[in-house]
Amino acid sequence: MSTAWTVVVVTGIVTLALKAAGPVLLGGRPLPDPVARFVALLGPALLAALVATTTLASGTRLVLDARAVGVAAAALAVWRRAPVLLAVGIAAAVTALARVV
């Protein structure tokens, strides 16, 4: 397993542990606001790290290729409030077009 995947798995396990520890340690009381905000941001941060490493890395090298163009197109589509499924289709089409060119 690569270092990136190890980090992803460990972060996922820590996220689950934090989410489970709250109810166990607090006995049904809500988490304090700073902790709740931190836990809420772990999932999106993990997803962003996974997308970034998958898109911009090839082995141990930084690579800017058609994948980056596709992710940028999807980000633009989501920013313009396109549905997620449409953004995925746009990303696939733009990536394929960039590879052909």
PDB file of N, CA and C in Angstrom:
ATOM      1  N   MET A   1       0.846  -1.169   0.000  1.00  0.00           N
ATOM      2  CA  MET A   1       0.000   0.000   0.000  1.00  0.00           C
ATOM      3  C   MET A   1       0.891   1.232   0.000  1.00  0.00           C
ATOM      4  N   SER A   2       0.527   2.220  -0.822  1.00  0.00           N
ATOM      5  CA  SER A   2       1.341   3.426  -0.916  1.00  0.00           C
ATOM      6  C   SER A   2       1.143   4.305   0.321  1.00  0.00           C
ATOM      7  N   THR A   3       2.002   5.275   0.457  1.00  0.00           N
ATOM      8  CA  THR A   3       1.929   6.196   1.590  1.00  0.00           C
ATOM      9  C   THR A   3       0.628   6.977   1.556  1.00  0.00           C
ATOM     10  N   ALA A   4       0.204   7.397   0.364  1.00  0.00           N
ATOM     11  CA  ALA A   4      -1.038   8.170   0.252  1.00  0.00           C
ATOM     12  C   ALA A   4      -2.234   7.359   0.744  1.00  0.00           C
ATOM     13  N   TRP A   5      -2.295   6.112   0.337  1.00  0.00           N
ATOM     14  CA  TRP A   5      -3.413   5.276   0.777  1.00  0.00           C
ATOM     15  C   TRP A   5      -3.336   4.987   2.269  1.00  0.00           C
ATOM     16  N   THR A   6      -2.144   4.849   2.794  1.00  0.00           N
ATOM     17  CA  THR A   6      -1.987   4.655   4.229  1.00  0.00           C
ATOM     18  C   THR A   6      -2.537   5.860   4.984  1.00  0.00           C
ATOM     19  N   VAL A   7      -2.218   7.051   4.508  1.00  0.00           N
ATOM     20  CA  VAL A   7      -2.728   8.275   5.140  1.00  0.00           C
ATOM     21  C   VAL A   7      -4.250   8.326   5.044  1.00  0.00           C
ATOM     22  N   VAL A   8      -4.792   7.966   3.886  1.00  0.00           N
ATOM     23  CA  VAL A   8      -6.247   7.973   3.706  1.00  0.00           C
ATOM     24  C   VAL A   8      -6.913   7.005   4.675  1.00  0.00           C
ATOM     25  N   VAL A   9      -6.389   5.790   4.778  1.00  0.00           N
ATOM     26  CA  VAL A   9      -6.980   4.792   5.664  1.00  0.00           C
ATOM     27  C   VAL A   9      -6.867   5.221   7.129  1.00  0.00           C
ATOM     28  N   VAL A  10      -5.701   5.706   7.530  1.00  0.00           N
ATOM     29  CA  VAL A  10      -5.511   6.137   8.925  1.00  0.00           C
ATOM     30  C   VAL A  10      -6.435   7.309   9.245  1.00  0.00           C
ATOM     31  N   THR A  11      -6.565   8.252   8.319  1.00  0.00           N
ATOM     32  CA  THR A  11      -7.458   9.389   8.543  1.00  0.00           C
ATOM     33  C   THR A  11      -8.903   8.922   8.661  1.00  0.00           C
ATOM     34  N   GLY A  12      -9.288   7.966   7.828  1.00  0.00           N
ATOM     35  CA  GLY A  12     -10.642   7.419   7.928  1.00  0.00           C
ATOM     36  C   GLY A  12     -10.894   6.750   9.261  1.00  0.00           C
ATOM     37  N   ILE A  13      -9.922   5.985   9.732  1.00  0.00           N
ATOM     38  CA  ILE A  13     -10.066   5.314  11.024  1.00  0.00           C
ATOM     39  C   ILE A  13     -10.145   6.331  12.162  1.00  0.00           C
ATOM     40  N   VAL A  14      -9.313   7.365  12.103  1.00  0.00           N
ATOM     41  CA  VAL A  14      -9.352   8.411  13.134  1.00  0.00           C
ATOM     42  C   VAL A  14     -10.694   9.131  13.101  1.00  0.00           C
ATOM     43  N   THR A  15     -11.212   9.381  11.899  1.00  0.00           N
ATOM     44  CA  THR A  15     -12.518  10.034  11.775  1.00  0.00           C
ATOM     45  C   THR A  15     -13.606   9.190  12.435  1.00  0.00           C
ATOM     46  N   LEU A  16     -13.609   7.900  12.131  1.00  0.00           N
ATOM     47  CA  LEU A  16     -14.598   7.014  12.754  1.00  0.00           C
ATOM     48  C   LEU A  16     -14.432   6.960  14.268  1.00  0.00           C
ATOM     49  N   ALA A  17     -13.193   6.918  14.728  1.00  0.00           N
ATOM     50  CA  ALA A  17     -12.948   6.868  16.171  1.00  0.00           C
ATOM     51  C   ALA A  17     -13.444   8.139  16.853  1.00  0.00           C
ATOM     52  N   LEU A  18     -13.195   9.287  16.222  1.00  0.00           N
ATOM     53  CA  LEU A  18     -13.675  10.541  16.811  1.00  0.00           C
ATOM     54  C   LEU A  18     -15.200  10.591  16.851  1.00  0.00           C
ATOM     55  N   LYS A  19     -15.829  10.136  15.772  1.00  0.00           N
ATOM     56  CA  LYS A  19     -17.291  10.149  15.745  1.00  0.00           C
ATOM     57  C   LYS A  19     -17.872   9.174  16.766  1.00  0.00           C
ATOM     58  N   ALA A  20     -17.219   8.066  16.987  1.00  0.00           N
ATOM     59  CA  ALA A  20     -17.705   7.098  17.963  1.00  0.00           C
ATOM     60  C   ALA A  20     -17.385   7.539  19.387  1.00  0.00           C
ATOM     61  N   ALA A  21     -16.271   8.210  19.578  1.00  0.00           N
ATOM     62  CA  ALA A  21     -15.858   8.603  20.919  1.00  0.00           C
ATOM     63  C   ALA A  21     -16.773   9.659  21.514  1.00  0.00           C
ATOM     64  N   GLY A  22     -17.343  10.511  20.672  1.00  0.00           N
ATOM     65  CA  GLY A  22     -18.210  11.572  21.186  1.00  0.00           C
ATOM     66  C   GLY A  22     -19.358  11.042  22.005  1.00  0.00           C
ATOM     67  N   PRO A  23     -20.224  10.213  21.412  1.00  0.00           N
ATOM     68  CA  PRO A  23     -21.353   9.690  22.205  1.00  0.00           C
ATOM     69  C   PRO A  23     -20.915   8.826  23.385  1.00  0.00           C
ATOM     70  N   VAL A  24     -19.836   8.082  23.212  1.00  0.00           N
ATOM     71  CA  VAL A  24     -19.377   7.204  24.298  1.00  0.00           C
ATOM     72  C   VAL A  24     -18.869   8.033  25.476  1.00  0.00           C
ATOM     73  N   LEU A  25     -18.055   9.018  25.197  1.00  0.00           N
ATOM     74  CA  LEU A  25     -17.457   9.809  26.275  1.00  0.00           C
ATOM     75  C   LEU A  25     -18.417  10.829  26.872  1.00  0.00           C
ATOM     76  N   LEU A  26     -19.321  11.351  26.049  1.00  0.00           N
ATOM     77  CA  LEU A  26     -20.207  12.402  26.541  1.00  0.00           C
ATOM     78  C   LEU A  26     -21.544  11.877  27.044  1.00  0.00           C
ATOM     79  N   GLY A  27     -21.830  10.605  26.816  1.00  0.00           N
ATOM     80  CA  GLY A  27     -23.056  10.008  27.334  1.00  0.00           C
ATOM     81  C   GLY A  27     -24.328  10.644  26.811  1.00  0.00           C
ATOM     82  N   GLY A  28     -24.408  10.915  25.531  1.00  0.00           N
ATOM     83  CA  GLY A  28     -25.625  11.467  24.949  1.00  0.00           C
ATOM     84  C   GLY A  28     -25.646  12.980  24.867  1.00  0.00           C
ATOM     85  N   ARG A  29     -24.732  13.645  25.539  1.00  0.00           N
ATOM     86  CA  ARG A  29     -24.670  15.104  25.437  1.00  0.00           C
ATOM     87  C   ARG A  29     -24.043  15.478  24.099  1.00  0.00           C
ATOM     88  N   PRO A  30     -24.391  16.612  23.532  1.00  0.00           N
ATOM     89  CA  PRO A  30     -23.790  17.004  22.254  1.00  0.00           C
ATOM     90  C   PRO A  30     -22.305  17.352  22.420  1.00  0.00           C
ATOM     91  N   LEU A  31     -21.572  17.187  21.322  1.00  0.00           N
ATOM     92  CA  LEU A  31     -20.152  17.540  21.338  1.00  0.00           C
ATOM     93  C   LEU A  31     -19.998  19.045  21.505  1.00  0.00           C
ATOM     94  N   PRO A  32     -18.903  19.491  22.123  1.00  0.00           N
ATOM     95  CA  PRO A  32     -18.639  20.927  22.168  1.00  0.00           C
ATOM     96  C   PRO A  32     -18.499  21.470  20.737  1.00  0.00           C
ATOM     97  N   ASP A  33     -18.880  22.712  20.537  1.00  0.00           N
ATOM     98  CA  ASP A  33     -18.883  23.290  19.192  1.00  0.00           C
ATOM     99  C   ASP A  33     -17.549  23.172  18.451  1.00  0.00           C
ATOM    100  N   PRO A  34     -16.398  23.481  19.074  1.00  0.00           N
ATOM    101  CA  PRO A  34     -15.138  23.354  18.320  1.00  0.00           C
ATOM    102  C   PRO A  34     -14.881  21.921  17.837  1.00  0.00           C
ATOM    103  N   VAL A  35     -15.201  20.948  18.670  1.00  0.00           N
ATOM    104  CA  VAL A  35     -14.984  19.548  18.304  1.00  0.00           C
ATOM    105  C   VAL A  35     -15.958  19.144  17.200  1.00  0.00           C
ATOM    106  N   ALA A  36     -17.205  19.564  17.297  1.00  0.00           N
ATOM    107  CA  ALA A  36     -18.204  19.231  16.280  1.00  0.00           C
ATOM    108  C   ALA A  36     -17.815  19.824  14.923  1.00  0.00           C
ATOM    109  N   ARG A  37     -17.319  21.053  14.921  1.00  0.00           N
ATOM    110  CA  ARG A  37     -16.884  21.671  13.654  1.00  0.00           C
ATOM    111  C   ARG A  37     -15.697  20.920  13.066  1.00  0.00           C
ATOM    112  N   PHE A  38     -14.768  20.508  13.918  1.00  0.00           N
ATOM    113  CA  PHE A  38     -13.600  19.760  13.457  1.00  0.00           C
ATOM    114  C   PHE A  38     -14.013  18.420  12.852  1.00  0.00           C
ATOM    115  N   VAL A  39     -14.875  17.703  13.514  1.00  0.00           N
ATOM    116  CA  VAL A  39     -15.323  16.390  13.033  1.00  0.00           C
ATOM    117  C   VAL A  39     -16.097  16.538  11.728  1.00  0.00           C
ATOM    118  N   ALA A  40     -16.900  17.579  11.615  1.00  0.00           N
ATOM    119  CA  ALA A  40     -17.682  17.797  10.398  1.00  0.00           C
ATOM    120  C   ALA A  40     -16.784  18.063   9.195  1.00  0.00           C
ATOM    121  N   LEU A  41     -15.608  18.630   9.407  1.00  0.00           N
ATOM    122  CA  LEU A  41     -14.712  18.958   8.295  1.00  0.00           C
ATOM    123  C   LEU A  41     -13.777  17.818   7.902  1.00  0.00           C
ATOM    124  N   LEU A  42     -13.707  16.758   8.695  1.00  0.00           N
ATOM    125  CA  LEU A  42     -12.788  15.663   8.377  1.00  0.00           C
ATOM    126  C   LEU A  42     -13.174  14.929   7.100  1.00  0.00           C
ATOM    127  N   GLY A  43     -14.443  14.662   6.885  1.00  0.00           N
ATOM    128  CA  GLY A  43     -14.893  13.954   5.683  1.00  0.00           C
ATOM    129  C   GLY A  43     -14.565  14.705   4.396  1.00  0.00           C
ATOM    130  N   PRO A  44     -14.974  15.969   4.279  1.00  0.00           N
ATOM    131  CA  PRO A  44     -14.630  16.725   3.071  1.00  0.00           C
ATOM    132  C   PRO A  44     -13.119  16.880   2.871  1.00  0.00           C
ATOM    133  N   ALA A  45     -12.370  17.031   3.958  1.00  0.00           N
ATOM    134  CA  ALA A  45     -10.916  17.147   3.826  1.00  0.00           C
ATOM    135  C   ALA A  45     -10.313  15.856   3.302  1.00  0.00           C
ATOM    136  N   LEU A  46     -10.808  14.734   3.780  1.00  0.00           N
ATOM    137  CA  LEU A  46     -10.332  13.436   3.307  1.00  0.00           C
ATOM    138  C   LEU A  46     -10.649  13.249   1.831  1.00  0.00           C
ATOM    139  N   LEU A  47     -11.854  13.601   1.422  1.00  0.00           N
ATOM    140  CA  LEU A  47     -12.236  13.490   0.013  1.00  0.00           C
ATOM    141  C   LEU A  47     -11.382  14.406  -0.860  1.00  0.00           C
ATOM    142  N   ALA A  48     -11.141  15.623  -0.408  1.00  0.00           N
ATOM    143  CA  ALA A  48     -10.314  16.550  -1.172  1.00  0.00           C
ATOM    144  C   ALA A  48      -8.883  16.025  -1.316  1.00  0.00           C
ATOM    145  N   ALA A  49      -8.343  15.452  -0.263  1.00  0.00           N
ATOM    146  CA  ALA A  49      -6.990  14.892  -0.330  1.00  0.00           C
ATOM    147  C   ALA A  49      -6.931  13.715  -1.288  1.00  0.00           C
ATOM    148  N   LEU A  50      -7.957  12.883  -1.274  1.00  0.00           N
ATOM    149  CA  LEU A  50      -7.997  11.738  -2.181  1.00  0.00           C
ATOM    150  C   LEU A  50      -8.082  12.193  -3.633  1.00  0.00           C
ATOM    151  N   VAL A  51      -8.931  13.179  -3.919  1.00  0.00           N
ATOM    152  CA  VAL A  51      -9.046  13.702  -5.283  1.00  0.00           C
ATOM    153  C   VAL A  51      -7.733  14.340  -5.713  1.00  0.00           C
ATOM    154  N   ALA A  52      -7.113  15.107  -4.836  1.00  0.00           N
ATOM    155  CA  ALA A  52      -5.864  15.781  -5.200  1.00  0.00           C
ATOM    156  C   ALA A  52      -4.747  14.784  -5.487  1.00  0.00           C
ATOM    157  N   THR A  53      -4.609  13.774  -4.655  1.00  0.00           N
ATOM    158  CA  THR A  53      -3.519  12.818  -4.882  1.00  0.00           C
ATOM    159  C   THR A  53      -3.783  11.958  -6.107  1.00  0.00           C
ATOM    160  N   THR A  54      -5.041  11.613  -6.348  1.00  0.00           N
ATOM    161  CA  THR A  54      -5.371  10.810  -7.521  1.00  0.00           C
ATOM    162  C   THR A  54      -5.200  11.612  -8.799  1.00  0.00           C
ATOM    163  N   THR A  55      -5.515  12.883  -8.754  1.00  0.00           N
ATOM    164  CA  THR A  55      -5.469  13.731  -9.943  1.00  0.00           C
ATOM    165  C   THR A  55      -4.067  14.216 -10.262  1.00  0.00           C
ATOM    166  N   LEU A  56      -3.321  14.600  -9.271  1.00  0.00           N
ATOM    167  CA  LEU A  56      -2.056  15.296  -9.512  1.00  0.00           C
ATOM    168  C   LEU A  56      -0.811  14.449  -9.293  1.00  0.00           C
ATOM    169  N   ALA A  57      -0.962  13.189  -8.954  1.00  0.00           N
ATOM    170  CA  ALA A  57       0.214  12.370  -8.676  1.00  0.00           C
ATOM    171  C   ALA A  57       0.252  11.158  -9.590  1.00  0.00           C
ATOM    172  N   SER A  58       1.460  10.816  -9.972  1.00  0.00           N
ATOM    173  CA  SER A  58       1.715   9.584 -10.701  1.00  0.00           C
ATOM    174  C   SER A  58       2.933   8.949 -10.048  1.00  0.00           C
ATOM    175  N   GLY A  59       2.676   7.978  -9.197  1.00  0.00           N
ATOM    176  CA  GLY A  59       3.777   7.419  -8.410  1.00  0.00           C
ATOM    177  C   GLY A  59       4.223   8.440  -7.387  1.00  0.00           C
ATOM    178  N   THR A  60       5.469   8.839  -7.487  1.00  0.00           N
ATOM    179  CA  THR A  60       5.998   9.844  -6.563  1.00  0.00           C
ATOM    180  C   THR A  60       6.203  11.196  -7.245  1.00  0.00           C
ATOM    181  N   ARG A  61       5.695  11.321  -8.464  1.00  0.00           N
ATOM    182  CA  ARG A  61       5.886  12.561  -9.226  1.00  0.00           C
ATOM    183  C   ARG A  61       4.606  13.376  -9.295  1.00  0.00           C
ATOM    184  N   LEU A  62       4.753  14.684  -9.353  1.00  0.00           N
ATOM    185  CA  LEU A  62       3.645  15.589  -9.573  1.00  0.00           C
ATOM    186  C   LEU A  62       3.399  15.683 -11.073  1.00  0.00           C
ATOM    187  N   VAL A  63       2.156  15.461 -11.501  1.00  0.00           N
ATOM    188  CA  VAL A  63       1.841  15.420 -12.926  1.00  0.00           C
ATOM    189  C   VAL A  63       0.623  16.295 -13.195  1.00  0.00           C
ATOM    190  N   LEU A  64       0.733  17.161 -14.183  1.00  0.00           N
ATOM    191  CA  LEU A  64      -0.411  17.927 -14.656  1.00  0.00           C
ATOM    192  C   LEU A  64      -0.747  17.410 -16.043  1.00  0.00           C
ATOM    193  N   ASP A  65      -1.855  16.654 -16.136  1.00  0.00           N
ATOM    194  CA  ASP A  65      -2.239  16.077 -17.411  1.00  0.00           C
ATOM    195  C   ASP A  65      -3.745  16.238 -17.604  1.00  0.00           C
ATOM    196  N   ALA A  66      -4.333  15.376 -18.419  1.00  0.00           N
ATOM    197  CA  ALA A  66      -5.749  15.477 -18.746  1.00  0.00           C
ATOM    198  C   ALA A  66      -6.640  15.319 -17.515  1.00  0.00           C
ATOM    199  N   ARG A  67      -6.184  14.576 -16.532  1.00  0.00           N
ATOM    200  CA  ARG A  67      -6.989  14.407 -15.319  1.00  0.00           C
ATOM    201  C   ARG A  67      -7.213  15.737 -14.615  1.00  0.00           C
ATOM    202  N   ALA A  68      -6.175  16.549 -14.544  1.00  0.00           N
ATOM    203  CA  ALA A  68      -6.297  17.857 -13.899  1.00  0.00           C
ATOM    204  C   ALA A  68      -7.267  18.754 -14.658  1.00  0.00           C
ATOM    205  N   VAL A  69      -7.235  18.673 -15.977  1.00  0.00           N
ATOM    206  CA  VAL A  69      -8.153  19.466 -16.792  1.00  0.00           C
ATOM    207  C   VAL A  69      -9.592  19.020 -16.523  1.00  0.00           C
ATOM    208  N   GLY A  70      -9.819  17.717 -16.432  1.00  0.00           N
ATOM    209  CA  GLY A  70     -11.158  17.202 -16.154  1.00  0.00           C
ATOM    210  C   GLY A  70     -11.668  17.615 -14.787  1.00  0.00           C
ATOM    211  N   VAL A  71     -10.818  17.542 -13.773  1.00  0.00           N
ATOM    212  CA  VAL A  71     -11.232  17.949 -12.427  1.00  0.00           C
ATOM    213  C   VAL A  71     -11.525  19.442 -12.392  1.00  0.00           C
ATOM    214  N   ALA A  72     -10.727  20.228 -13.111  1.00  0.00           N
ATOM    215  CA  ALA A  72     -10.981  21.672 -13.171  1.00  0.00           C
ATOM    216  C   ALA A  72     -12.324  21.945 -13.848  1.00  0.00           C
ATOM    217  N   ALA A  73     -12.637  21.208 -14.898  1.00  0.00           N
ATOM    218  CA  ALA A  73     -13.929  21.378 -15.573  1.00  0.00           C
ATOM    219  C   ALA A  73     -15.075  20.993 -14.649  1.00  0.00           C
ATOM    220  N   ALA A  74     -14.916  19.919 -13.893  1.00  0.00           N
ATOM    221  CA  ALA A  74     -15.956  19.514 -12.946  1.00  0.00           C
ATOM    222  C   ALA A  74     -16.117  20.550 -11.837  1.00  0.00           C
ATOM    223  N   ALA A  75     -15.008  21.078 -11.352  1.00  0.00           N
ATOM    224  CA  ALA A  75     -15.073  22.106 -10.310  1.00  0.00           C
ATOM    225  C   ALA A  75     -15.808  23.344 -10.827  1.00  0.00           C
ATOM    226  N   LEU A  76     -15.537  23.715 -12.059  1.00  0.00           N
ATOM    227  CA  LEU A  76     -16.227  24.859 -12.656  1.00  0.00           C
ATOM    228  C   LEU A  76     -17.719  24.575 -12.800  1.00  0.00           C
ATOM    229  N   ALA A  77     -18.067  23.361 -13.209  1.00  0.00           N
ATOM    230  CA  ALA A  77     -19.477  22.991 -13.360  1.00  0.00           C
ATOM    231  C   ALA A  77     -20.194  23.016 -12.013  1.00  0.00           C
ATOM    232  N   VAL A  78     -19.569  22.500 -10.980  1.00  0.00           N
ATOM    233  CA  VAL A  78     -20.185  22.505  -9.647  1.00  0.00           C
ATOM    234  C   VAL A  78     -20.299  23.933  -9.131  1.00  0.00           C
ATOM    235  N   TRP A  79     -19.286  24.729  -9.389  1.00  0.00           N
ATOM    236  CA  TRP A  79     -19.320  26.140  -8.981  1.00  0.00           C
ATOM    237  C   TRP A  79     -20.477  26.872  -9.650  1.00  0.00           C
ATOM    238  N   ARG A  80     -20.791  26.484 -10.891  1.00  0.00           N
ATOM    239  CA  ARG A  80     -21.901  27.098 -11.625  1.00  0.00           C
ATOM    240  C   ARG A  80     -23.229  26.421 -11.299  1.00  0.00           C
ATOM    241  N   ARG A  81     -23.233  25.594 -10.254  1.00  0.00           N
ATOM    242  CA  ARG A  81     -24.424  24.939  -9.718  1.00  0.00           C
ATOM    243  C   ARG A  81     -24.993  23.854 -10.622  1.00  0.00           C
ATOM    244  N   ALA A  82     -24.145  23.181 -11.370  1.00  0.00           N
ATOM    245  CA  ALA A  82     -24.586  22.040 -12.170  1.00  0.00           C
ATOM    246  C   ALA A  82     -24.805  20.851 -11.241  1.00  0.00           C
ATOM    247  N   PRO A  83     -25.728  19.952 -11.584  1.00  0.00           N
ATOM    248  CA  PRO A  83     -25.893  18.743 -10.768  1.00  0.00           C
ATOM    249  C   PRO A  83     -24.612  17.903 -10.775  1.00  0.00           C
ATOM    250  N   VAL A  84     -24.399  17.158  -9.716  1.00  0.00           N
ATOM    251  CA  VAL A  84     -23.163  16.397  -9.563  1.00  0.00           C
ATOM    252  C   VAL A  84     -22.982  15.397 -10.708  1.00  0.00           C
ATOM    253  N   LEU A  85     -24.059  14.732 -11.103  1.00  0.00           N
ATOM    254  CA  LEU A  85     -23.966  13.761 -12.192  1.00  0.00           C
ATOM    255  C   LEU A  85     -23.537  14.433 -13.498  1.00  0.00           C
ATOM    256  N   LEU A  86     -24.051  15.613 -13.757  1.00  0.00           N
ATOM    257  CA  LEU A  86     -23.642  16.367 -14.946  1.00  0.00           C
ATOM    258  C   LEU A  86     -22.177  16.774 -14.839  1.00  0.00           C
ATOM    259  N   ALA A  87     -21.740  17.181 -13.662  1.00  0.00           N
ATOM    260  CA  ALA A  87     -20.338  17.563 -13.464  1.00  0.00           C
ATOM    261  C   ALA A  87     -19.408  16.382 -13.719  1.00  0.00           C
ATOM    262  N   VAL A  88     -19.806  15.195 -13.293  1.00  0.00           N
ATOM    263  CA  VAL A  88     -19.004  13.993 -13.549  1.00  0.00           C
ATOM    264  C   VAL A  88     -18.936  13.721 -15.046  1.00  0.00           C
ATOM    265  N   GLY A  89     -20.068  13.857 -15.740  1.00  0.00           N
ATOM    266  CA  GLY A  89     -20.077  13.673 -17.191  1.00  0.00           C
ATOM    267  C   GLY A  89     -19.214  14.687 -17.906  1.00  0.00           C
ATOM    268  N   ILE A  90     -19.269  15.928 -17.467  1.00  0.00           N
ATOM    269  CA  ILE A  90     -18.431  16.976 -18.050  1.00  0.00           C
ATOM    270  C   ILE A  90     -16.961  16.658 -17.816  1.00  0.00           C
ATOM    271  N   ALA A  91     -16.630  16.224 -16.608  1.00  0.00           N
ATOM    272  CA  ALA A  91     -15.238  15.882 -16.303  1.00  0.00           C
ATOM    273  C   ALA A  91     -14.747  14.754 -17.199  1.00  0.00           C
ATOM    274  N   ALA A  92     -15.574  13.737 -17.384  1.00  0.00           N
ATOM    275  CA  ALA A  92     -15.178  12.608 -18.236  1.00  0.00           C
ATOM    276  C   ALA A  92     -14.997  13.048 -19.680  1.00  0.00           C
ATOM    277  N   ALA A  93     -15.926  13.859 -20.178  1.00  0.00           N
ATOM    278  CA  ALA A  93     -15.831  14.319 -21.566  1.00  0.00           C
ATOM    279  C   ALA A  93     -14.623  15.218 -21.778  1.00  0.00           C
ATOM    280  N   VAL A  94     -14.384  16.129 -20.870  1.00  0.00           N
ATOM    281  CA  VAL A  94     -13.237  17.046 -21.002  1.00  0.00           C
ATOM    282  C   VAL A  94     -11.919  16.281 -20.876  1.00  0.00           C
ATOM    283  N   THR A  95     -11.868  15.317 -19.969  1.00  0.00           N
ATOM    284  CA  THR A  95     -10.660  14.496 -19.833  1.00  0.00           C
ATOM    285  C   THR A  95     -10.387  13.700 -21.108  1.00  0.00           C
ATOM    286  N   ALA A  96     -11.432  13.097 -21.662  1.00  0.00           N
ATOM    287  CA  ALA A  96     -11.263  12.337 -22.906  1.00  0.00           C
ATOM    288  C   ALA A  96     -10.811  13.239 -24.043  1.00  0.00           C
ATOM    289  N   LEU A  97     -11.424  14.413 -24.147  1.00  0.00           N
ATOM    290  CA  LEU A  97     -11.043  15.360 -25.196  1.00  0.00           C
ATOM    291  C   LEU A  97      -9.585  15.815 -25.029  1.00  0.00           C
ATOM    292  N   ALA A  98      -9.199  16.084 -23.784  1.00  0.00           N
ATOM    293  CA  ALA A  98      -7.813  16.513 -23.529  1.00  0.00           C
ATOM    294  C   ALA A  98      -6.815  15.403 -23.874  1.00  0.00           C
ATOM    295  N   ARG A  99      -7.194  14.156 -23.634  1.00  0.00           N
ATOM    296  CA  ARG A  99      -6.290  13.040 -23.972  1.00  0.00           C
ATOM    297  C   ARG A  99      -6.168  12.870 -25.473  1.00  0.00           C
ATOM    298  N   VAL A 100      -7.252  13.130 -26.199  1.00  0.00           N
ATOM    299  CA  VAL A 100      -7.211  13.025 -27.660  1.00  0.00           C
ATOM    300  C   VAL A 100      -6.316  14.125 -28.223  1.00  0.00           C
ATOM    301  N   VAL A 101      -6.445  15.314 -27.674  1.00  0.00           N
ATOM    302  CA  VAL A 101      -5.640  16.447 -28.152  1.00  0.00           C
ATOM    303  C   VAL A 101      -4.208  16.239 -27.712  1.00  0.00           C
TER     304      VAL A 101
END
